[in-house]
Amino acid sequence: MAQGKQPEQERPKVETLGQLLGTALAYFVMGAVVLVVIDLVFVLPTGRGFGQTSGWIAALPTVWVYTEQFRRYAGAARWGLMLVGVLLGLAAGFAVAIIAPVAWPPMLTGGLGGLAAALVYGPLWFAGIKTFGEERVA
């Protein structure tokens, strides 16, 4: 090892479906908390109703989780898996948001839709990448 050079810290790898879904769920919860705070910041001065911001925004941090998974692998299979996963995840999310009661605020219905999309994408990605993926060698 060269003098003065620090060894690189490797981030822990997600190895199981439980770790992947748990990480995605944790990121979703963090996104939901931030969304609630942001919505409150806009509710207080304007006087509009709480929960009128789209809940889909809460699912955006889960994209980071899946992006890291995507970058971890090489090969053409990851592109197909990502495309199929996104399409099926969004279809599930829209289905959940559509069947939710109309009386529920957009933050709740969109949040449930985003959560459904993230939870559908995860198992599809995990099963597909374990079957067809080529992990990058660092």
Protein backbone atom coordinates (compact mmCIF):
# COMPACT_ATOMS: atom_id res chain seq x y z
CA MET A 1 0.00 0.00 0.00
CA ALA A 2 1.33 3.41 -0.95
CA GLN A 3 2.28 5.67 1.88
CA GLY A 4 -0.48 8.09 2.91
CA LYS A 5 -3.10 6.34 0.84
CA GLN A 6 -6.17 5.16 2.74
CA PRO A 7 -7.89 1.89 1.77
CA GLU A 8 -11.23 2.51 0.09
CA GLN A 9 -14.29 1.94 2.23
CA GLU A 10 -16.57 -0.49 0.43
CA ARG A 11 -20.27 0.01 0.96
CA PRO A 12 -22.10 -3.06 2.20
CA LYS A 13 -23.66 -5.00 -0.65
CA VAL A 14 -27.30 -5.96 -0.69
CA GLU A 15 -27.19 -9.74 -0.98
CA THR A 16 -30.72 -10.92 -0.13
CA LEU A 17 -34.22 -9.97 -1.19
CA GLY A 18 -34.99 -9.02 2.42
CA GLN A 19 -32.07 -6.60 2.48
CA LEU A 20 -33.12 -5.08 -0.83
CA LEU A 21 -36.75 -4.59 0.16
CA GLY A 22 -35.80 -3.42 3.66
CA THR A 23 -33.45 -0.82 2.22
CA ALA A 24 -36.05 0.34 -0.29
CA LEU A 25 -38.67 0.56 2.47
CA ALA A 26 -36.32 2.58 4.69
CA TYR A 27 -35.66 5.02 1.83
CA PHE A 28 -39.40 5.27 1.17
CA VAL A 29 -40.08 6.11 4.82
CA MET A 30 -37.37 8.78 4.74
CA GLY A 31 -38.92 10.21 1.57
CA ALA A 32 -42.38 10.20 3.16
CA VAL A 33 -41.14 12.03 6.25
CA VAL A 34 -39.44 14.68 4.12
CA LEU A 35 -42.57 15.01 1.98
CA VAL A 36 -44.77 15.55 5.05
CA VAL A 37 -42.41 18.23 6.36
CA ILE A 38 -42.31 19.98 2.97
CA ASP A 39 -46.09 19.83 2.68
CA LEU A 40 -46.46 21.34 6.15
CA VAL A 41 -44.09 24.16 5.22
CA PHE A 42 -46.37 25.04 2.31
CA VAL A 43 -49.62 24.50 4.22
CA LEU A 44 -48.87 26.88 7.07
CA PRO A 45 -48.35 30.11 5.07
CA THR A 46 -50.84 29.41 2.28
CA GLY A 47 -53.69 27.86 4.28
CA ARG A 48 -54.34 25.14 1.70
CA GLY A 49 -55.26 21.66 2.86
CA PHE A 50 -52.63 19.25 4.12
CA GLY A 51 -51.91 16.24 1.93
CA GLN A 52 -52.53 17.84 -1.45
CA THR A 53 -48.96 17.21 -2.62
CA SER A 54 -48.46 14.07 -4.70
CA GLY A 55 -47.35 11.13 -2.60
CA TRP A 56 -45.39 9.65 -5.51
CA ILE A 57 -42.58 12.00 -4.50
CA ALA A 58 -42.03 9.89 -1.36
CA ALA A 59 -40.96 6.96 -3.55
CA LEU A 60 -38.20 8.91 -5.32
CA PRO A 61 -35.47 7.94 -2.81
CA THR A 62 -36.12 4.28 -3.60
CA VAL A 63 -34.84 5.02 -7.10
CA TRP A 64 -31.39 5.53 -5.55
CA VAL A 65 -31.51 2.05 -4.03
CA TYR A 66 -32.37 0.45 -7.33
CA THR A 67 -29.90 2.63 -9.24
CA GLU A 68 -27.09 1.34 -7.05
CA GLN A 69 -28.25 -2.20 -7.78
CA PHE A 70 -28.32 -1.43 -11.50
CA ARG A 71 -24.77 -0.04 -11.41
CA ARG A 72 -23.54 -3.10 -9.53
CA TYR A 73 -24.18 -5.34 -12.52
CA ALA A 74 -22.98 -5.36 -16.13
CA GLY A 75 -24.38 -6.80 -19.32
CA ALA A 76 -27.46 -6.38 -21.43
CA ALA A 77 -29.75 -8.40 -19.14
CA ARG A 78 -29.89 -5.59 -16.59
CA TRP A 79 -31.45 -3.24 -19.15
CA GLY A 80 -34.26 -5.65 -19.94
CA LEU A 81 -34.86 -6.41 -16.27
CA MET A 82 -34.94 -2.73 -15.43
CA LEU A 83 -37.40 -1.95 -18.22
CA VAL A 84 -39.77 -4.82 -17.35
CA GLY A 85 -39.49 -4.02 -13.63
CA VAL A 86 -40.25 -0.33 -14.14
CA LEU A 87 -43.24 -1.06 -16.38
CA LEU A 88 -44.74 -3.67 -14.03
CA GLY A 89 -43.91 -1.62 -10.93
CA LEU A 90 -45.56 1.50 -12.32
CA ALA A 91 -48.58 -0.53 -13.46
CA ALA A 92 -48.98 -1.91 -9.94
CA GLY A 93 -48.50 1.54 -8.43
CA PHE A 94 -51.08 3.13 -10.71
CA ALA A 95 -53.52 0.30 -9.98
CA VAL A 96 -53.17 0.86 -6.23
CA ALA A 97 -53.54 4.64 -6.61
CA ILE A 98 -56.60 4.24 -8.84
CA ILE A 99 -58.47 1.82 -6.58
CA ALA A 100 -57.83 3.94 -3.48
CA PRO A 101 -60.90 5.83 -2.25
CA VAL A 102 -61.44 9.19 -3.92
CA ALA A 103 -61.80 10.85 -0.50
CA TRP A 104 -58.18 10.09 0.38
CA PRO A 105 -55.72 12.94 -0.19
CA PRO A 106 -53.24 12.74 -3.09
CA MET A 107 -50.35 12.36 -0.66
CA LEU A 108 -51.80 9.11 0.69
CA THR A 109 -52.97 7.58 -2.60
CA GLY A 110 -49.79 8.55 -4.43
CA GLY A 111 -47.65 7.35 -1.54
CA LEU A 112 -49.36 3.97 -1.57
CA GLY A 113 -48.92 3.80 -5.33
CA GLY A 114 -45.23 4.65 -5.07
CA LEU A 115 -44.74 2.09 -2.33
CA ALA A 116 -46.47 -0.57 -4.40
CA ALA A 117 -44.26 0.27 -7.39
CA ALA A 118 -41.10 -0.02 -5.29
CA LEU A 119 -42.21 -3.28 -3.71
CA VAL A 120 -43.14 -4.85 -7.05
CA TYR A 121 -39.91 -3.76 -8.73
CA GLY A 122 -37.66 -5.19 -6.00
CA PRO A 123 -38.50 -8.91 -6.25
CA LEU A 124 -38.60 -8.76 -10.05
CA TRP A 125 -35.17 -7.17 -10.16
CA PHE A 126 -33.71 -9.49 -7.55
CA ALA A 127 -34.95 -12.72 -9.14
CA GLY A 128 -33.97 -11.62 -12.62
CA ILE A 129 -30.52 -10.32 -11.76
CA LYS A 130 -29.67 -13.45 -9.75
CA THR A 131 -30.68 -15.53 -12.75
CA PHE A 132 -29.29 -13.45 -15.65
CA GLY A 133 -27.00 -10.84 -14.09
CA GLU A 134 -23.27 -10.45 -14.42
CA GLU A 135 -21.88 -8.83 -11.29
CA ARG A 136 -19.11 -6.32 -11.93
CA VAL A 137 -15.70 -7.18 -10.55
CA ALA A 138 -14.29 -4.21 -8.67
